[in-house]
Amino acid sequence: MAGPKESEIEYWHDSSDVAGTWEKRPPPKDKIHIPGIVHETSTLYMADDLEKDKHASVGPDYRPKGCGNVYVTGGALFPSSGSWNR
C-alpha cells in the first residue's frame, strides 16, 4: 500500500518492560493485535484523475466525484496513511 515510500514505513514496537518505539522492522507476528490492515484514516480514496480511477471518490482538489460546490476535509481524507498494525 505504501508504493515507492515502502522503505520509509516504521512500525510501533510495544513492550511491557520498556517504553514503545518506532522501528523499520515489522513486529513479530505474535505481537500483531489484529490480523489484516487497520484503517485509522483514509476512508475516502483519493486519485489524480477521477474519470480514470473508478474507485476514487475524491480528487486532488478535495472535491467529491460528481459534486459541484462541495469540498471534503477531515480525518477521512488523506492520500496515504500510516498504521500501527501490519
N, C-alpha and C. Protein backbone atom coordinates (compact mmCIF):
# COMPACT_ATOMS: atom_id res chain seq x y z
N MET A 1 0.81 -1.19 0.00
CA MET A 1 0.00 0.00 0.00
C MET A 1 0.86 1.26 0.00
N ALA A 2 2.08 1.21 0.47
CA ALA A 2 2.91 2.40 0.58
C ALA A 2 3.58 2.75 -0.75
N GLY A 3 3.56 1.84 -1.71
CA GLY A 3 4.16 2.11 -3.00
C GLY A 3 5.64 2.42 -2.90
N PRO A 4 6.09 3.49 -3.58
CA PRO A 4 7.52 3.81 -3.59
C PRO A 4 8.07 4.28 -2.24
N LYS A 5 7.21 4.55 -1.27
CA LYS A 5 7.67 5.00 0.04
C LYS A 5 7.75 3.86 1.06
N GLU A 6 7.72 2.62 0.56
CA GLU A 6 7.74 1.46 1.45
C GLU A 6 8.95 1.47 2.38
N SER A 7 10.08 1.94 1.92
CA SER A 7 11.30 1.96 2.75
C SER A 7 11.18 2.95 3.91
N GLU A 8 10.19 3.85 3.88
CA GLU A 8 10.01 4.85 4.94
C GLU A 8 9.06 4.38 6.04
N ILE A 9 8.45 3.21 5.87
CA ILE A 9 7.49 2.71 6.85
C ILE A 9 8.18 2.37 8.16
N GLU A 10 7.56 2.78 9.27
CA GLU A 10 8.03 2.39 10.59
C GLU A 10 6.87 1.73 11.33
N TYR A 11 7.19 0.79 12.21
CA TYR A 11 6.20 0.03 12.95
C TYR A 11 6.37 0.30 14.45
N TRP A 12 5.26 0.36 15.15
CA TRP A 12 5.29 0.56 16.59
C TRP A 12 5.61 -0.76 17.28
N HIS A 13 6.64 -0.75 18.10
CA HIS A 13 7.04 -1.92 18.88
C HIS A 13 6.74 -1.63 20.34
N ASP A 14 5.88 -2.45 20.92
CA ASP A 14 5.44 -2.26 22.30
C ASP A 14 6.01 -3.35 23.16
N SER A 15 6.42 -2.99 24.36
CA SER A 15 6.98 -3.97 25.28
C SER A 15 6.51 -3.62 26.70
N SER A 16 6.26 -4.61 27.49
CA SER A 16 5.78 -4.36 28.85
C SER A 16 6.89 -3.84 29.77
N ASP A 17 8.15 -4.10 29.44
CA ASP A 17 9.24 -3.68 30.33
C ASP A 17 9.92 -2.37 29.92
N VAL A 18 9.67 -1.88 28.69
CA VAL A 18 10.26 -0.60 28.25
C VAL A 18 9.20 0.17 27.46
N ALA A 19 9.44 1.46 27.31
CA ALA A 19 8.52 2.27 26.51
C ALA A 19 8.56 1.81 25.05
N GLY A 20 7.45 1.95 24.35
CA GLY A 20 7.40 1.56 22.95
C GLY A 20 8.28 2.43 22.08
N THR A 21 8.62 1.91 20.90
CA THR A 21 9.46 2.64 19.96
C THR A 21 9.00 2.39 18.53
N TRP A 22 9.32 3.33 17.65
CA TRP A 22 9.08 3.15 16.21
C TRP A 22 10.34 2.55 15.61
N GLU A 23 10.17 1.49 14.80
CA GLU A 23 11.31 0.82 14.17
C GLU A 23 10.97 0.47 12.73
N LYS A 24 12.02 0.33 11.91
CA LYS A 24 11.85 -0.02 10.49
C LYS A 24 11.43 -1.48 10.31
N ARG A 25 11.83 -2.36 11.20
CA ARG A 25 11.48 -3.78 11.05
C ARG A 25 10.06 -4.02 11.56
N PRO A 26 9.31 -4.88 10.88
CA PRO A 26 7.95 -5.21 11.35
C PRO A 26 7.99 -5.93 12.69
N PRO A 27 6.94 -5.80 13.49
CA PRO A 27 6.90 -6.53 14.76
C PRO A 27 6.71 -8.03 14.52
N PRO A 28 7.09 -8.84 15.48
CA PRO A 28 6.87 -10.28 15.33
C PRO A 28 5.36 -10.58 15.25
N LYS A 29 5.01 -11.65 14.57
CA LYS A 29 3.59 -11.99 14.35
C LYS A 29 2.82 -12.13 15.66
N ASP A 30 3.45 -12.61 16.72
CA ASP A 30 2.73 -12.78 17.99
C ASP A 30 2.42 -11.45 18.67
N LYS A 31 2.98 -10.35 18.18
CA LYS A 31 2.70 -9.02 18.74
C LYS A 31 1.66 -8.24 17.93
N ILE A 32 1.23 -8.78 16.80
CA ILE A 32 0.24 -8.11 15.97
C ILE A 32 -1.13 -8.36 16.60
N HIS A 33 -1.81 -7.30 16.97
CA HIS A 33 -3.05 -7.40 17.72
C HIS A 33 -4.26 -7.77 16.87
N ILE A 34 -4.32 -7.26 15.65
CA ILE A 34 -5.46 -7.51 14.77
C ILE A 34 -4.92 -7.96 13.41
N PRO A 35 -5.36 -9.11 12.91
CA PRO A 35 -4.89 -9.54 11.58
C PRO A 35 -5.45 -8.63 10.49
N GLY A 36 -4.69 -8.39 9.46
CA GLY A 36 -5.15 -7.58 8.35
C GLY A 36 -4.68 -6.14 8.45
N ILE A 37 -5.35 -5.30 7.73
CA ILE A 37 -4.98 -3.89 7.65
C ILE A 37 -5.95 -3.06 8.49
N VAL A 38 -5.41 -2.13 9.24
CA VAL A 38 -6.24 -1.24 10.04
C VAL A 38 -6.26 0.13 9.39
N HIS A 39 -7.43 0.70 9.23
CA HIS A 39 -7.59 2.00 8.59
C HIS A 39 -8.00 3.04 9.62
N GLU A 40 -7.04 3.76 10.19
CA GLU A 40 -7.38 4.83 11.12
C GLU A 40 -7.92 6.04 10.36
N THR A 41 -7.44 6.20 9.14
CA THR A 41 -7.84 7.33 8.29
C THR A 41 -7.95 6.84 6.86
N SER A 42 -8.11 7.75 5.95
CA SER A 42 -8.11 7.46 4.51
C SER A 42 -9.28 6.62 4.06
N THR A 43 -10.46 6.84 4.60
CA THR A 43 -11.62 6.09 4.15
C THR A 43 -12.17 6.65 2.85
N LEU A 44 -11.78 7.86 2.47
CA LEU A 44 -12.14 8.42 1.17
C LEU A 44 -10.94 8.32 0.25
N TYR A 45 -10.99 7.37 -0.67
CA TYR A 45 -9.87 7.12 -1.57
C TYR A 45 -9.70 8.31 -2.53
N MET A 46 -8.46 8.77 -2.66
CA MET A 46 -8.13 9.95 -3.45
C MET A 46 -7.37 9.54 -4.71
N ALA A 47 -7.63 10.23 -5.83
CA ALA A 47 -6.91 9.94 -7.08
C ALA A 47 -6.66 11.23 -7.84
N ASP A 48 -5.61 11.22 -8.68
CA ASP A 48 -5.31 12.39 -9.51
C ASP A 48 -6.36 12.61 -10.58
N ASP A 49 -6.90 11.53 -11.12
CA ASP A 49 -7.88 11.62 -12.21
C ASP A 49 -9.11 10.78 -11.86
N LEU A 50 -10.18 11.44 -11.45
CA LEU A 50 -11.39 10.73 -11.04
C LEU A 50 -12.08 10.00 -12.19
N GLU A 51 -11.88 10.46 -13.40
CA GLU A 51 -12.50 9.81 -14.55
C GLU A 51 -11.83 8.47 -14.86
N LYS A 52 -10.53 8.39 -14.68
CA LYS A 52 -9.80 7.16 -14.98
C LYS A 52 -9.84 6.15 -13.84
N ASP A 53 -9.94 6.62 -12.60
CA ASP A 53 -9.93 5.73 -11.44
C ASP A 53 -11.35 5.59 -10.90
N LYS A 54 -12.01 4.50 -11.24
CA LYS A 54 -13.42 4.32 -10.88
C LYS A 54 -13.64 4.09 -9.39
N HIS A 55 -12.57 3.77 -8.64
CA HIS A 55 -12.70 3.51 -7.21
C HIS A 55 -12.55 4.78 -6.36
N ALA A 56 -11.96 5.80 -6.93
CA ALA A 56 -11.71 7.03 -6.17
C ALA A 56 -13.00 7.82 -5.97
N SER A 57 -13.11 8.43 -4.80
CA SER A 57 -14.28 9.25 -4.52
C SER A 57 -13.94 10.73 -4.42
N VAL A 58 -12.65 11.06 -4.28
CA VAL A 58 -12.22 12.44 -4.10
C VAL A 58 -11.00 12.72 -4.97
N GLY A 59 -10.97 13.91 -5.58
CA GLY A 59 -9.83 14.32 -6.40
C GLY A 59 -8.83 15.13 -5.60
N PRO A 60 -7.72 15.54 -6.23
CA PRO A 60 -6.68 16.28 -5.53
C PRO A 60 -7.13 17.68 -5.08
N ASP A 61 -8.26 18.14 -5.60
CA ASP A 61 -8.80 19.43 -5.17
C ASP A 61 -9.80 19.29 -4.03
N TYR A 62 -9.90 18.08 -3.46
CA TYR A 62 -10.78 17.77 -2.32
C TYR A 62 -12.27 17.80 -2.68
N ARG A 63 -12.57 17.69 -3.97
CA ARG A 63 -13.96 17.69 -4.41
C ARG A 63 -14.41 16.26 -4.69
N PRO A 64 -15.55 15.86 -4.15
CA PRO A 64 -16.07 14.51 -4.42
C PRO A 64 -16.50 14.35 -5.88
N LYS A 65 -16.36 13.14 -6.37
CA LYS A 65 -16.76 12.83 -7.74
C LYS A 65 -18.24 13.16 -7.94
N GLY A 66 -18.55 13.91 -8.98
CA GLY A 66 -19.92 14.21 -9.34
C GLY A 66 -20.59 15.33 -8.57
N CYS A 67 -19.86 16.02 -7.72
CA CYS A 67 -20.44 17.12 -6.94
C CYS A 67 -19.80 18.45 -7.36
N GLY A 68 -20.63 19.47 -7.50
CA GLY A 68 -20.13 20.76 -7.96
C GLY A 68 -19.49 21.61 -6.88
N ASN A 69 -20.27 22.10 -5.96
CA ASN A 69 -19.78 23.08 -4.98
C ASN A 69 -19.60 22.44 -3.60
N VAL A 70 -18.93 21.29 -3.56
CA VAL A 70 -18.71 20.56 -2.31
C VAL A 70 -17.22 20.25 -2.18
N TYR A 71 -16.69 20.42 -0.97
CA TYR A 71 -15.30 20.07 -0.68
C TYR A 71 -15.28 19.22 0.57
N VAL A 72 -14.33 18.29 0.65
CA VAL A 72 -14.24 17.36 1.76
C VAL A 72 -12.94 17.62 2.52
N THR A 73 -13.01 17.52 3.83
CA THR A 73 -11.81 17.62 4.65
C THR A 73 -12.00 16.78 5.91
N GLY A 74 -10.95 16.56 6.64
CA GLY A 74 -11.03 15.80 7.89
C GLY A 74 -10.21 14.53 7.85
N GLY A 75 -10.36 13.72 8.89
CA GLY A 75 -9.56 12.51 9.04
C GLY A 75 -9.82 11.44 8.00
N ALA A 76 -10.97 11.54 7.29
CA ALA A 76 -11.27 10.53 6.26
C ALA A 76 -10.48 10.76 4.99
N LEU A 77 -9.92 11.93 4.81
CA LEU A 77 -9.30 12.31 3.54
C LEU A 77 -7.80 12.50 3.66
N PHE A 78 -7.06 11.51 3.21
CA PHE A 78 -5.61 11.59 3.14
C PHE A 78 -5.17 10.75 1.95
N PRO A 79 -4.19 11.20 1.18
CA PRO A 79 -3.71 10.39 0.06
C PRO A 79 -3.01 9.12 0.51
N SER A 80 -2.44 9.12 1.72
CA SER A 80 -1.82 7.92 2.28
C SER A 80 -1.86 8.02 3.79
N SER A 81 -1.68 6.90 4.45
CA SER A 81 -1.77 6.89 5.91
C SER A 81 -0.85 5.85 6.50
N GLY A 82 -0.40 6.11 7.69
CA GLY A 82 0.38 5.12 8.42
C GLY A 82 -0.55 4.20 9.19
N SER A 83 0.01 3.20 9.79
CA SER A 83 -0.81 2.28 10.57
C SER A 83 0.03 1.68 11.68
N TRP A 84 -0.59 1.46 12.83
CA TRP A 84 0.13 0.83 13.94
C TRP A 84 0.16 -0.67 13.77
N ASN A 85 -0.53 -1.17 12.82
CA ASN A 85 -0.62 -2.61 12.61
C ASN A 85 -0.11 -2.97 11.23
N ARG A 86 0.36 -4.17 11.07
CA ARG A 86 0.88 -4.59 9.77
C ARG A 86 -0.14 -5.31 8.98
